[in-house]
Every structure is written in structure tokens, then in C-alpha cells.
Amino acid sequence: MSRRTPRTRSLHVAGPDGTPIRAWSAGSGIPVLLCNGLGASPSAWPAVVSDDSGFQVVGWDHRGLGASRRPRDPGRVQIEDHVADARAVLDAFGLPAATVVGWSLGVNVAFELALEDPGRVDGVLAVAGVPGGSFSSLFGPLGVPRRLRAPVGRLSSRLLPVIGPLLPVLTRSVQPWHTLLAPAVAGRSTPEAARLGALATVVGEFAEHDWGWFRHLAVAVADHAPLDLSSLSCPVTFLAGRYDTLVDVADVRAAAVAVPGARYREFPATHFLPLEAPGAMRDELRRLAARRPTRI
């Protein structure tokens, strides 16, 4: 897989509160809105944003990260604010509707948009995330009791300004680091296991963030309550990593059961599913997009 940065075109749009947001578009074809993981770039989705993917993928930098500015009111970083930015991005690129992909925090955004504005969502591909109540799913695979997950999540977030700048040091020794993250994947010589270099690149990009602000955004996710998805009418697919330490795979599985007709697929992977199984992400998105409603 090539490690070059996906070719994107950018423009600046204003969120409903006036916050300048950097929006981007890559590829051409079926409209896709990417609600990315917090602070992630298009590089995290190599097979989806490639020129030959068959998708026109649009997305944005989260408030205060990348080339997007911070809101004047620092409290305007709730999930609802990200949803408003997602609408602004769709409008900026002239897309009345799109198949929506969410990763991690982006899963919350994708489902909020689908519930608030179902006419703009042709389907939801939810990757390594749950529909609200994200902090209650943190560290489940590590044995942290559910009642303690949110407090532990808030406490650990205090370390982000310290840990973030150290990420480049970790990526220099990416092989042993990856072995610790996902032993089942590290032991294989498959194309997915060969994505380690791209993973290191994306983590290196993370290290450039202002980690005090990143922590502020991350803690705001804790305020997003669990969502009732039973009323959704669009097709939905959930993808989970068996070795994900940030999202309890049991919670993802339960969310899929609660959505009528939802598809669920589990991978021997970590939270970095878009990089560990890029081809599968593209294939699942194509499968989901094929189920999108016909619009007059």
C-alpha cells in the first residue's frame, strides 16, 4: 500500500456558530460523509479516500484541530456541534445526502445526524464506536468495571497533554508497539498486517495536535448520552475490533442487535480498524452503499 497522503481538495466553511472549519473532499463517485475519529486525517482511510475507490468522500477537521479554528465559546465542542459542522460540510460540497461513515467519536456524530436529519443519511457504517455513552465503554477489555469506566476515562484524559508529544517516540519502534496492541494481527503476513507504516504515519500526525485542546474535546464526548436507534430506517453496519481497548466489543455487538436489520462484523484488530483492514472498510462501505435508498 502506498503511504502517500491522499489527494484532497480543501475549502473553508463556517459552522452555524461562525466557527471556521476546514472541509475536504477526495475521490469521485458515491457521496460519502466521513465523521472521522477525533483528530484523525483522511490518511487514516487509505482504501476509502483513494482515487479509484468509487466514492466522493467529504469530511472536516474537528474544531480547533488541523486547519479548523477553535470556537469563540469553548463550550461549543459537544457532539451536537460536530453534527452541525457535518451538515455544513455536506452543504459546502452540494450534497443533499450521503452514506455516512463514523469512526470512534465519529460514530456518535454519524448516528446523531441520522436521527436528527434522516433525509440526509443514506446509511451508517459505524467503525469501532458506540452510539452514545462512549465513556461507559472505555477500557472494558482491560477488566475495568462499568461503573468505574467514565471516572477512569476522565482521569486518564488528564494525561493526554503528556502522552501526546511522546507518540513519535513510540512509532519509531512500531513493531514491538504493534505486537502489544494486536498480537493476533502482528503475527500474520497478510496485507492488513503490512499497514504498520501507515499506522505510524497517522499516529505521527496526532502528535502535532495541541493536546490540552484535544483533551478538552475528548472530555466533551463524555456528555453524550446513549442513543435509541430503534427508529432508524436507513441501513446500518457495525464493525468492531476484537482487541479494541477503547471500545468494549460487547457494547458494539449489543448496539447492532438493537438496530433492526443491522449487519455486524468483527475483526482480529484493535481500535485502528481503518488502517489494519483498509480493504475490508472499503468493501463494507460498498456493500452498505448498495443498499442506499433511491432518491427522486
C-alpha atoms as a PDB file:
ATOM      1  CA  MET A   1       0.000   0.000   0.000  1.00  0.00           C
ATOM      2  CA  SER A   2       1.253   3.463  -0.850  1.00  0.00           C
ATOM      3  CA  ARG A   3       1.893   5.694   2.136  1.00  0.00           C
ATOM      4  CA  ARG A   4       1.457   8.947   0.257  1.00  0.00           C
ATOM      5  CA  THR A   5      -1.092  11.378   1.610  1.00  0.00           C
ATOM      6  CA  PRO A   6      -4.451  11.060  -0.191  1.00  0.00           C
ATOM      7  CA  ARG A   7      -5.042  13.808  -2.735  1.00  0.00           C
ATOM      8  CA  THR A   8      -7.692  16.081  -1.294  1.00  0.00           C
ATOM      9  CA  ARG A   9      -9.160  19.447  -2.146  1.00  0.00           C
ATOM     10  CA  SER A  10      -9.986  21.791   0.686  1.00  0.00           C
ATOM     11  CA  LEU A  11     -12.238  24.720   1.386  1.00  0.00           C
ATOM     12  CA  HIS A  12     -13.182  26.646   4.472  1.00  0.00           C
ATOM     13  CA  VAL A  13     -16.762  26.755   5.688  1.00  0.00           C
ATOM     14  CA  ALA A  14     -18.399  28.365   8.685  1.00  0.00           C
ATOM     15  CA  GLY A  15     -20.157  26.302  11.294  1.00  0.00           C
ATOM     16  CA  PRO A  16     -23.617  27.537  12.367  1.00  0.00           C
ATOM     17  CA  ASP A  17     -21.967  29.460  15.230  1.00  0.00           C
ATOM     18  CA  GLY A  18     -19.462  31.061  12.844  1.00  0.00           C
ATOM     19  CA  THR A  19     -16.507  28.815  13.691  1.00  0.00           C
ATOM     20  CA  PRO A  20     -14.203  28.490  10.628  1.00  0.00           C
ATOM     21  CA  ILE A  21     -13.974  24.809   9.681  1.00  0.00           C
ATOM     22  CA  ARG A  22     -11.616  23.259   7.157  1.00  0.00           C
ATOM     23  CA  ALA A  23     -13.577  20.851   4.946  1.00  0.00           C
ATOM     24  CA  TRP A  24     -12.022  18.463   2.438  1.00  0.00           C
ATOM     25  CA  SER A  25     -13.083  16.197  -0.411  1.00  0.00           C
ATOM     26  CA  ALA A  26     -11.332  13.244  -2.042  1.00  0.00           C
ATOM     27  CA  GLY A  27     -12.162  10.974  -4.978  1.00  0.00           C
ATOM     28  CA  SER A  28     -15.338  10.844  -7.046  1.00  0.00           C
ATOM     29  CA  GLY A  29     -18.416   8.656  -7.153  1.00  0.00           C
ATOM     30  CA  ILE A  30     -20.973   7.704  -4.491  1.00  0.00           C
ATOM     31  CA  PRO A  31     -21.258  10.517  -1.895  1.00  0.00           C
ATOM     32  CA  VAL A  32     -19.758   9.574   1.476  1.00  0.00           C
ATOM     33  CA  LEU A  33     -19.530  11.746   4.583  1.00  0.00           C
ATOM     34  CA  LEU A  34     -16.628  10.722   6.835  1.00  0.00           C
ATOM     35  CA  CYS A  35     -17.150  11.522  10.506  1.00  0.00           C
ATOM     36  CA  ASN A  36     -13.584  10.743  11.476  1.00  0.00           C
ATOM     37  CA  GLY A  37     -12.041   9.740  14.760  1.00  0.00           C
ATOM     38  CA  LEU A  38     -11.113  12.732  16.906  1.00  0.00           C
ATOM     39  CA  GLY A  39      -8.130  14.473  15.336  1.00  0.00           C
ATOM     40  CA  ALA A  40      -7.691  11.885  12.562  1.00  0.00           C
ATOM     41  CA  SER A  41      -6.915  12.868   8.971  1.00  0.00           C
ATOM     42  CA  PRO A  42      -8.035  11.357   5.630  1.00  0.00           C
ATOM     43  CA  SER A  43      -4.777   9.342   5.722  1.00  0.00           C
ATOM     44  CA  ALA A  44      -6.420   7.010   8.225  1.00  0.00           C
ATOM     45  CA  TRP A  45      -8.714   5.707   5.457  1.00  0.00           C
ATOM     46  CA  PRO A  46      -6.338   4.853   2.574  1.00  0.00           C
ATOM     47  CA  ALA A  47      -8.626   2.489   0.645  1.00  0.00           C
ATOM     48  CA  VAL A  48     -11.738   4.633   1.072  1.00  0.00           C
ATOM     49  CA  VAL A  49     -10.271   8.009   0.010  1.00  0.00           C
ATOM     50  CA  SER A  50      -8.162   6.630  -2.858  1.00  0.00           C
ATOM     51  CA  ASP A  51      -8.877   7.975  -6.342  1.00  0.00           C
ATOM     52  CA  ASP A  52     -10.164   4.588  -7.532  1.00  0.00           C
ATOM     53  CA  SER A  53     -12.420   3.836  -4.548  1.00  0.00           C
ATOM     54  CA  GLY A  54     -15.611   4.833  -6.382  1.00  0.00           C
ATOM     55  CA  PHE A  55     -16.537   7.295  -3.625  1.00  0.00           C
ATOM     56  CA  GLN A  56     -16.581  11.047  -3.282  1.00  0.00           C
ATOM     57  CA  VAL A  57     -15.572  11.305   0.356  1.00  0.00           C
ATOM     58  CA  VAL A  58     -16.040  14.577   2.224  1.00  0.00           C
ATOM     59  CA  GLY A  59     -15.007  15.362   5.772  1.00  0.00           C
ATOM     60  CA  TRP A  60     -13.588  18.048   8.030  1.00  0.00           C
ATOM     61  CA  ASP A  61     -11.040  18.827  10.732  1.00  0.00           C
ATOM     62  CA  HIS A  62     -12.576  18.916  14.194  1.00  0.00           C
ATOM     63  CA  ARG A  63     -12.893  22.265  15.925  1.00  0.00           C
ATOM     64  CA  GLY A  64      -9.506  23.604  16.957  1.00  0.00           C
ATOM     65  CA  LEU A  65      -7.603  20.721  15.315  1.00  0.00           C
ATOM     66  CA  GLY A  66      -5.839  20.629  11.960  1.00  0.00           C
ATOM     67  CA  ALA A  67      -6.766  23.716   9.960  1.00  0.00           C
ATOM     68  CA  SER A  68     -10.070  24.331  11.759  1.00  0.00           C
ATOM     69  CA  ARG A  69     -10.311  27.144  14.294  1.00  0.00           C
ATOM     70  CA  ARG A  70     -11.481  26.968  17.875  1.00  0.00           C
ATOM     71  CA  PRO A  71     -14.982  28.257  18.600  1.00  0.00           C
ATOM     72  CA  ARG A  72     -15.234  31.577  20.400  1.00  0.00           C
ATOM     73  CA  ASP A  73     -17.282  29.789  23.032  1.00  0.00           C
ATOM     74  CA  PRO A  74     -15.045  26.892  24.197  1.00  0.00           C
ATOM     75  CA  GLY A  75     -18.156  25.009  25.259  1.00  0.00           C
ATOM     76  CA  ARG A  76     -19.271  24.589  21.652  1.00  0.00           C
ATOM     77  CA  VAL A  77     -17.493  21.252  21.239  1.00  0.00           C
ATOM     78  CA  GLN A  78     -20.335  18.880  22.055  1.00  0.00           C
ATOM     79  CA  ILE A  79     -21.439  16.094  19.709  1.00  0.00           C
ATOM     80  CA  GLU A  80     -24.277  18.334  18.557  1.00  0.00           C
ATOM     81  CA  ASP A  81     -21.736  20.947  17.435  1.00  0.00           C
ATOM     82  CA  HIS A  82     -19.848  18.347  15.389  1.00  0.00           C
ATOM     83  CA  VAL A  83     -23.160  17.280  13.830  1.00  0.00           C
ATOM     84  CA  ALA A  84     -23.818  20.899  12.834  1.00  0.00           C
ATOM     85  CA  ASP A  85     -20.365  21.031  11.228  1.00  0.00           C
ATOM     86  CA  ALA A  86     -21.142  17.814   9.337  1.00  0.00           C
ATOM     87  CA  ARG A  87     -24.256  19.435   7.853  1.00  0.00           C
ATOM     88  CA  ALA A  88     -22.219  22.489   6.871  1.00  0.00           C
ATOM     89  CA  VAL A  89     -19.725  20.237   5.074  1.00  0.00           C
ATOM     90  CA  LEU A  90     -22.474  18.471   3.121  1.00  0.00           C
ATOM     91  CA  ASP A  91     -23.895  21.851   2.129  1.00  0.00           C
ATOM     92  CA  ALA A  92     -20.498  23.211   1.128  1.00  0.00           C
ATOM     93  CA  PHE A  93     -19.971  20.372  -1.340  1.00  0.00           C
ATOM     94  CA  GLY A  94     -23.559  20.453  -2.601  1.00  0.00           C
ATOM     95  CA  LEU A  95     -24.502  17.021  -1.261  1.00  0.00           C
ATOM     96  CA  PRO A  96     -28.151  16.681  -0.212  1.00  0.00           C
ATOM     97  CA  ALA A  97     -27.441  13.226   1.272  1.00  0.00           C
ATOM     98  CA  ALA A  98     -24.604  10.745   1.713  1.00  0.00           C
ATOM     99  CA  THR A  99     -23.677   7.389   3.147  1.00  0.00           C
ATOM    100  CA  VAL A 100     -22.113   8.267   6.500  1.00  0.00           C
ATOM    101  CA  VAL A 101     -19.023   6.616   7.951  1.00  0.00           C
ATOM    102  CA  GLY A 102     -18.182   7.093  11.625  1.00  0.00           C
ATOM    103  CA  TRP A 103     -15.054   6.014  13.453  1.00  0.00           C
ATOM    104  CA  SER A 104     -14.720   6.175  17.244  1.00  0.00           C
ATOM    105  CA  LEU A 105     -16.085   9.611  18.259  1.00  0.00           C
ATOM    106  CA  GLY A 106     -17.429   9.872  14.704  1.00  0.00           C
ATOM    107  CA  VAL A 107     -19.881   7.037  15.381  1.00  0.00           C
ATOM    108  CA  ASN A 108     -21.665   9.322  17.850  1.00  0.00           C
ATOM    109  CA  VAL A 109     -21.764  12.094  15.263  1.00  0.00           C
ATOM    110  CA  ALA A 110     -22.978   9.801  12.479  1.00  0.00           C
ATOM    111  CA  PHE A 111     -25.898   8.408  14.469  1.00  0.00           C
ATOM    112  CA  GLU A 112     -26.915  11.809  15.856  1.00  0.00           C
ATOM    113  CA  LEU A 113     -27.062  13.105  12.289  1.00  0.00           C
ATOM    114  CA  ALA A 114     -29.078  10.062  11.169  1.00  0.00           C
ATOM    115  CA  LEU A 115     -31.604  10.589  13.978  1.00  0.00           C
ATOM    116  CA  GLU A 116     -31.841  14.374  13.647  1.00  0.00           C
ATOM    117  CA  ASP A 117     -31.825  14.590   9.859  1.00  0.00           C
ATOM    118  CA  PRO A 118     -32.645  11.151   8.386  1.00  0.00           C
ATOM    119  CA  GLY A 119     -33.242  12.572   4.919  1.00  0.00           C
ATOM    120  CA  ARG A 120     -29.542  13.354   4.599  1.00  0.00           C
ATOM    121  CA  VAL A 121     -28.266   9.925   5.630  1.00  0.00           C
ATOM    122  CA  ASP A 122     -28.368   7.025   3.165  1.00  0.00           C
ATOM    123  CA  GLY A 123     -26.756   4.592   5.595  1.00  0.00           C
ATOM    124  CA  VAL A 124     -24.326   4.433   8.512  1.00  0.00           C
ATOM    125  CA  LEU A 125     -21.070   2.479   8.676  1.00  0.00           C
ATOM    126  CA  ALA A 126     -20.130   2.522  12.372  1.00  0.00           C
ATOM    127  CA  VAL A 127     -16.497   1.569  12.965  1.00  0.00           C
ATOM    128  CA  ALA A 128     -15.062   0.907  16.444  1.00  0.00           C
ATOM    129  CA  GLY A 129     -17.592   3.013  18.280  1.00  0.00           C
ATOM    130  CA  VAL A 130     -20.918   3.008  20.078  1.00  0.00           C
ATOM    131  CA  PRO A 131     -23.977   5.261  19.665  1.00  0.00           C
ATOM    132  CA  GLY A 132     -23.505   7.470  22.703  1.00  0.00           C
ATOM    133  CA  GLY A 133     -22.318   6.709  26.214  1.00  0.00           C
ATOM    134  CA  SER A 134     -18.784   6.266  24.887  1.00  0.00           C
ATOM    135  CA  PHE A 135     -17.024   6.662  28.235  1.00  0.00           C
ATOM    136  CA  SER A 136     -19.051   3.791  29.702  1.00  0.00           C
ATOM    137  CA  SER A 137     -17.476   1.558  27.053  1.00  0.00           C
ATOM    138  CA  LEU A 138     -13.879   2.613  27.702  1.00  0.00           C
ATOM    139  CA  PHE A 139     -11.360   0.055  28.953  1.00  0.00           C
ATOM    140  CA  GLY A 140     -13.911  -2.753  29.150  1.00  0.00           C
ATOM    141  CA  PRO A 141     -11.480  -5.293  27.620  1.00  0.00           C
ATOM    142  CA  LEU A 142      -8.985  -4.360  30.345  1.00  0.00           C
ATOM    143  CA  GLY A 143     -11.395  -5.515  33.030  1.00  0.00           C
ATOM    144  CA  VAL A 144     -12.416  -2.075  34.315  1.00  0.00           C
ATOM    145  CA  PRO A 145     -15.893  -2.369  35.923  1.00  0.00           C
ATOM    146  CA  ARG A 146     -18.547  -0.408  34.037  1.00  0.00           C
ATOM    147  CA  ARG A 147     -19.302   1.866  36.989  1.00  0.00           C
ATOM    148  CA  LEU A 148     -15.666   2.996  37.019  1.00  0.00           C
ATOM    149  CA  ARG A 149     -15.101   3.430  33.291  1.00  0.00           C
ATOM    150  CA  ALA A 150     -16.312   7.021  32.984  1.00  0.00           C
ATOM    151  CA  PRO A 151     -14.324   8.250  36.033  1.00  0.00           C
ATOM    152  CA  VAL A 152     -11.222   6.379  34.839  1.00  0.00           C
ATOM    153  CA  GLY A 153     -11.709   7.840  31.360  1.00  0.00           C
ATOM    154  CA  ARG A 154     -11.859  11.371  32.722  1.00  0.00           C
ATOM    155  CA  LEU A 155      -8.840  10.748  34.914  1.00  0.00           C
ATOM    156  CA  SER A 156      -6.756   9.228  32.136  1.00  0.00           C
ATOM    157  CA  SER A 157      -7.638  12.100  29.811  1.00  0.00           C
ATOM    158  CA  ARG A 158      -5.599  14.353  32.093  1.00  0.00           C
ATOM    159  CA  LEU A 159      -2.526  12.520  30.828  1.00  0.00           C
ATOM    160  CA  LEU A 160      -3.146  13.343  27.164  1.00  0.00           C
ATOM    161  CA  PRO A 161      -1.046  16.545  27.203  1.00  0.00           C
ATOM    162  CA  VAL A 162       1.855  14.418  28.484  1.00  0.00           C
ATOM    163  CA  ILE A 163       1.370  11.293  26.358  1.00  0.00           C
ATOM    164  CA  GLY A 164       0.567  13.015  23.055  1.00  0.00           C
ATOM    165  CA  PRO A 165       4.001  14.536  22.390  1.00  0.00           C
ATOM    166  CA  LEU A 166       5.608  11.151  23.126  1.00  0.00           C
ATOM    167  CA  LEU A 167       3.799   9.374  20.284  1.00  0.00           C
ATOM    168  CA  PRO A 168       6.594   9.909  17.704  1.00  0.00           C
ATOM    169  CA  VAL A 169       8.984   8.136  20.073  1.00  0.00           C
ATOM    170  CA  LEU A 170       6.616   5.172  20.257  1.00  0.00           C
ATOM    171  CA  THR A 171       6.220   4.953  16.497  1.00  0.00           C
ATOM    172  CA  ARG A 172       9.977   4.703  15.962  1.00  0.00           C
ATOM    173  CA  SER A 173       9.735   1.233  17.444  1.00  0.00           C
ATOM    174  CA  VAL A 174       6.412   0.406  15.816  1.00  0.00           C
ATOM    175  CA  GLN A 175       6.969  -3.373  15.543  1.00  0.00           C
ATOM    176  CA  PRO A 176       7.053  -4.150  19.276  1.00  0.00           C
ATOM    177  CA  TRP A 177       4.391  -1.492  19.882  1.00  0.00           C
ATOM    178  CA  HIS A 178       2.108  -3.150  17.359  1.00  0.00           C
ATOM    179  CA  THR A 179       2.815  -6.544  18.910  1.00  0.00           C
ATOM    180  CA  LEU A 180       1.485  -5.191  22.193  1.00  0.00           C
ATOM    181  CA  LEU A 181      -1.550  -3.601  20.555  1.00  0.00           C
ATOM    182  CA  ALA A 182      -2.753  -6.518  18.470  1.00  0.00           C
ATOM    183  CA  PRO A 183      -0.931  -9.825  18.874  1.00  0.00           C
ATOM    184  CA  ALA A 184      -3.258 -11.668  16.514  1.00  0.00           C
ATOM    185  CA  VAL A 185      -2.608  -9.202  13.698  1.00  0.00           C
ATOM    186  CA  ALA A 186       1.098  -8.793  14.328  1.00  0.00           C
ATOM    187  CA  GLY A 187       1.750 -12.482  13.799  1.00  0.00           C
ATOM    188  CA  ARG A 188       0.358 -12.521  10.258  1.00  0.00           C
ATOM    189  CA  SER A 189       1.965 -11.695   6.948  1.00  0.00           C
ATOM    190  CA  THR A 190      -1.303 -10.532   5.383  1.00  0.00           C
ATOM    191  CA  PRO A 191      -1.799  -7.216   3.533  1.00  0.00           C
ATOM    192  CA  GLU A 192      -3.628  -5.868   6.576  1.00  0.00           C
ATOM    193  CA  ALA A 193      -0.666  -6.570   8.868  1.00  0.00           C
ATOM    194  CA  ALA A 194       1.599  -4.692   6.445  1.00  0.00           C
ATOM    195  CA  ARG A 195      -0.238  -1.422   7.211  1.00  0.00           C
ATOM    196  CA  LEU A 196       2.036  -0.690  10.164  1.00  0.00           C
ATOM    197  CA  GLY A 197       3.886   2.057   8.330  1.00  0.00           C
ATOM    198  CA  ALA A 198       0.660   3.913   7.601  1.00  0.00           C
ATOM    199  CA  LEU A 199      -0.386   3.486  11.223  1.00  0.00           C
ATOM    200  CA  ALA A 200       2.874   5.085  12.331  1.00  0.00           C
ATOM    201  CA  THR A 201       2.272   7.985   9.927  1.00  0.00           C
ATOM    202  CA  VAL A 202      -1.201   8.657  11.284  1.00  0.00           C
ATOM    203  CA  VAL A 203      -0.021   8.471  14.901  1.00  0.00           C
ATOM    204  CA  GLY A 204       2.770  10.881  13.987  1.00  0.00           C
ATOM    205  CA  GLU A 205       0.145  13.321  12.723  1.00  0.00           C
ATOM    206  CA  PHE A 206      -1.651  13.014  16.049  1.00  0.00           C
ATOM    207  CA  ALA A 207       1.477  14.153  17.853  1.00  0.00           C
ATOM    208  CA  GLU A 208       1.214  17.571  16.212  1.00  0.00           C
ATOM    209  CA  HIS A 209      -2.068  18.411  17.957  1.00  0.00           C
ATOM    210  CA  ASP A 210      -2.417  20.820  20.825  1.00  0.00           C
ATOM    211  CA  TRP A 211      -3.024  18.163  23.457  1.00  0.00           C
ATOM    212  CA  GLY A 212      -4.532  20.474  26.014  1.00  0.00           C
ATOM    213  CA  TRP A 213      -7.267  21.327  23.499  1.00  0.00           C
ATOM    214  CA  PHE A 214      -7.513  17.711  22.338  1.00  0.00           C
ATOM    215  CA  ARG A 215      -8.196  16.690  25.921  1.00  0.00           C
ATOM    216  CA  HIS A 216     -10.948  19.342  26.104  1.00  0.00           C
ATOM    217  CA  LEU A 217     -12.623  17.831  23.031  1.00  0.00           C
ATOM    218  CA  ALA A 218     -12.230  14.274  24.300  1.00  0.00           C
ATOM    219  CA  VAL A 219     -13.798  15.008  27.684  1.00  0.00           C
ATOM    220  CA  ALA A 220     -16.791  16.618  25.961  1.00  0.00           C
ATOM    221  CA  VAL A 221     -17.621  13.213  24.480  1.00  0.00           C
ATOM    222  CA  ALA A 222     -18.464  12.011  27.987  1.00  0.00           C
ATOM    223  CA  ASP A 223     -21.534  14.257  27.984  1.00  0.00           C
ATOM    224  CA  HIS A 224     -23.110  12.415  25.051  1.00  0.00           C
ATOM    225  CA  ALA A 225     -25.810  10.084  26.356  1.00  0.00           C
ATOM    226  CA  PRO A 226     -26.621   6.677  24.813  1.00  0.00           C
ATOM    227  CA  LEU A 227     -28.895   6.889  21.778  1.00  0.00           C
ATOM    228  CA  ASP A 228     -32.019   4.895  20.986  1.00  0.00           C
ATOM    229  CA  LEU A 229     -31.550   3.713  17.394  1.00  0.00           C
ATOM    230  CA  SER A 230     -34.730   1.671  17.105  1.00  0.00           C
ATOM    231  CA  SER A 231     -36.363   4.298  14.876  1.00  0.00           C
ATOM    232  CA  LEU A 232     -33.616   4.285  12.240  1.00  0.00           C
ATOM    233  CA  SER A 233     -34.805   3.344   8.771  1.00  0.00           C
ATOM    234  CA  CYS A 234     -31.513   3.565   6.874  1.00  0.00           C
ATOM    235  CA  PRO A 235     -29.209   0.530   6.504  1.00  0.00           C
ATOM    236  CA  VAL A 236     -26.578   0.214   9.236  1.00  0.00           C
ATOM    237  CA  THR A 237     -23.359  -1.783   9.553  1.00  0.00           C
ATOM    238  CA  PHE A 238     -21.271  -2.105  12.720  1.00  0.00           C
ATOM    239  CA  LEU A 239     -17.589  -3.091  12.531  1.00  0.00           C
ATOM    240  CA  ALA A 240     -15.588  -3.903  15.666  1.00  0.00           C
ATOM    241  CA  GLY A 241     -12.036  -4.884  16.606  1.00  0.00           C
ATOM    242  CA  ARG A 242     -11.719  -7.856  18.932  1.00  0.00           C
ATOM    243  CA  TYR A 243      -8.642  -6.338  20.616  1.00  0.00           C
ATOM    244  CA  ASP A 244     -10.001  -2.802  20.932  1.00  0.00           C
ATOM    245  CA  THR A 245      -9.121  -1.439  24.388  1.00  0.00           C
ATOM    246  CA  LEU A 246     -11.023   1.830  23.890  1.00  0.00           C
ATOM    247  CA  VAL A 247     -14.424   0.361  22.993  1.00  0.00           C
ATOM    248  CA  ASP A 248     -15.960  -2.732  24.546  1.00  0.00           C
ATOM    249  CA  VAL A 249     -16.716  -5.055  21.624  1.00  0.00           C
ATOM    250  CA  ALA A 250     -19.663  -6.427  23.603  1.00  0.00           C
ATOM    251  CA  ASP A 251     -21.227  -2.949  23.574  1.00  0.00           C
ATOM    252  CA  VAL A 252     -20.793  -2.672  19.800  1.00  0.00           C
ATOM    253  CA  ARG A 253     -22.380  -6.085  19.359  1.00  0.00           C
ATOM    254  CA  ALA A 254     -25.302  -5.106  21.591  1.00  0.00           C
ATOM    255  CA  ALA A 255     -25.823  -1.882  19.624  1.00  0.00           C
ATOM    256  CA  ALA A 256     -26.025  -3.873  16.404  1.00  0.00           C
ATOM    257  CA  VAL A 257     -28.638  -6.199  17.884  1.00  0.00           C
ATOM    258  CA  ALA A 258     -30.744  -3.182  18.858  1.00  0.00           C
ATOM    259  CA  VAL A 259     -30.932  -1.855  15.278  1.00  0.00           C
ATOM    260  CA  PRO A 260     -33.382  -3.742  13.051  1.00  0.00           C
ATOM    261  CA  GLY A 261     -31.606  -5.347  10.108  1.00  0.00           C
ATOM    262  CA  ALA A 262     -28.140  -4.120  11.125  1.00  0.00           C
ATOM    263  CA  ARG A 263     -25.072  -6.000   9.903  1.00  0.00           C
ATOM    264  CA  TYR A 264     -22.283  -6.800  12.386  1.00  0.00           C
ATOM    265  CA  ARG A 265     -18.754  -7.885  11.607  1.00  0.00           C
ATOM    266  CA  GLU A 266     -15.839  -8.432  13.986  1.00  0.00           C
ATOM    267  CA  PHE A 267     -12.135  -8.377  13.090  1.00  0.00           C
ATOM    268  CA  PRO A 268      -8.978  -9.605  14.863  1.00  0.00           C
ATOM    269  CA  ALA A 269      -7.875  -5.989  15.177  1.00  0.00           C
ATOM    270  CA  THR A 270      -7.601  -3.013  17.527  1.00  0.00           C
ATOM    271  CA  HIS A 271      -9.228   0.415  17.569  1.00  0.00           C
ATOM    272  CA  PHE A 272      -7.291   1.260  14.374  1.00  0.00           C
ATOM    273  CA  LEU A 273      -9.541  -0.803  12.111  1.00  0.00           C
ATOM    274  CA  PRO A 274      -9.443   1.673   9.185  1.00  0.00           C
ATOM    275  CA  LEU A 275      -5.675   1.124   8.949  1.00  0.00           C
ATOM    276  CA  GLU A 276      -5.474  -2.526   9.936  1.00  0.00           C
ATOM    277  CA  ALA A 277      -8.138  -3.670   7.475  1.00  0.00           C
ATOM    278  CA  PRO A 278      -8.443  -0.906   4.868  1.00  0.00           C
ATOM    279  CA  GLY A 279      -9.689  -3.175   2.097  1.00  0.00           C
ATOM    280  CA  ALA A 280     -12.429  -4.513   4.334  1.00  0.00           C
ATOM    281  CA  MET A 281     -13.502  -0.964   5.208  1.00  0.00           C
ATOM    282  CA  ARG A 282     -13.854  -0.156   1.503  1.00  0.00           C
ATOM    283  CA  ASP A 283     -15.706  -3.409   0.761  1.00  0.00           C
ATOM    284  CA  GLU A 284     -18.118  -2.982   3.663  1.00  0.00           C
ATOM    285  CA  LEU A 285     -18.797   0.593   2.597  1.00  0.00           C
ATOM    286  CA  ARG A 286     -19.530  -0.554  -0.961  1.00  0.00           C
ATOM    287  CA  ARG A 287     -21.876  -3.215   0.371  1.00  0.00           C
ATOM    288  CA  LEU A 288     -23.675  -0.679   2.542  1.00  0.00           C
ATOM    289  CA  ALA A 289     -23.886   1.922  -0.223  1.00  0.00           C
ATOM    290  CA  ALA A 290     -25.509  -0.662  -2.487  1.00  0.00           C
ATOM    291  CA  ARG A 291     -28.417  -0.742  -0.016  1.00  0.00           C
ATOM    292  CA  ARG A 292     -28.942   3.032  -0.010  1.00  0.00           C
ATOM    293  CA  PRO A 293     -32.446   4.232  -0.908  1.00  0.00           C
ATOM    294  CA  THR A 294     -33.290   5.504  -4.366  1.00  0.00           C
ATOM    295  CA  ARG A 295     -33.921   9.225  -4.229  1.00  0.00           C
ATOM    296  CA  ILE A 296     -36.118  11.038  -6.692  1.00  0.00           C
END
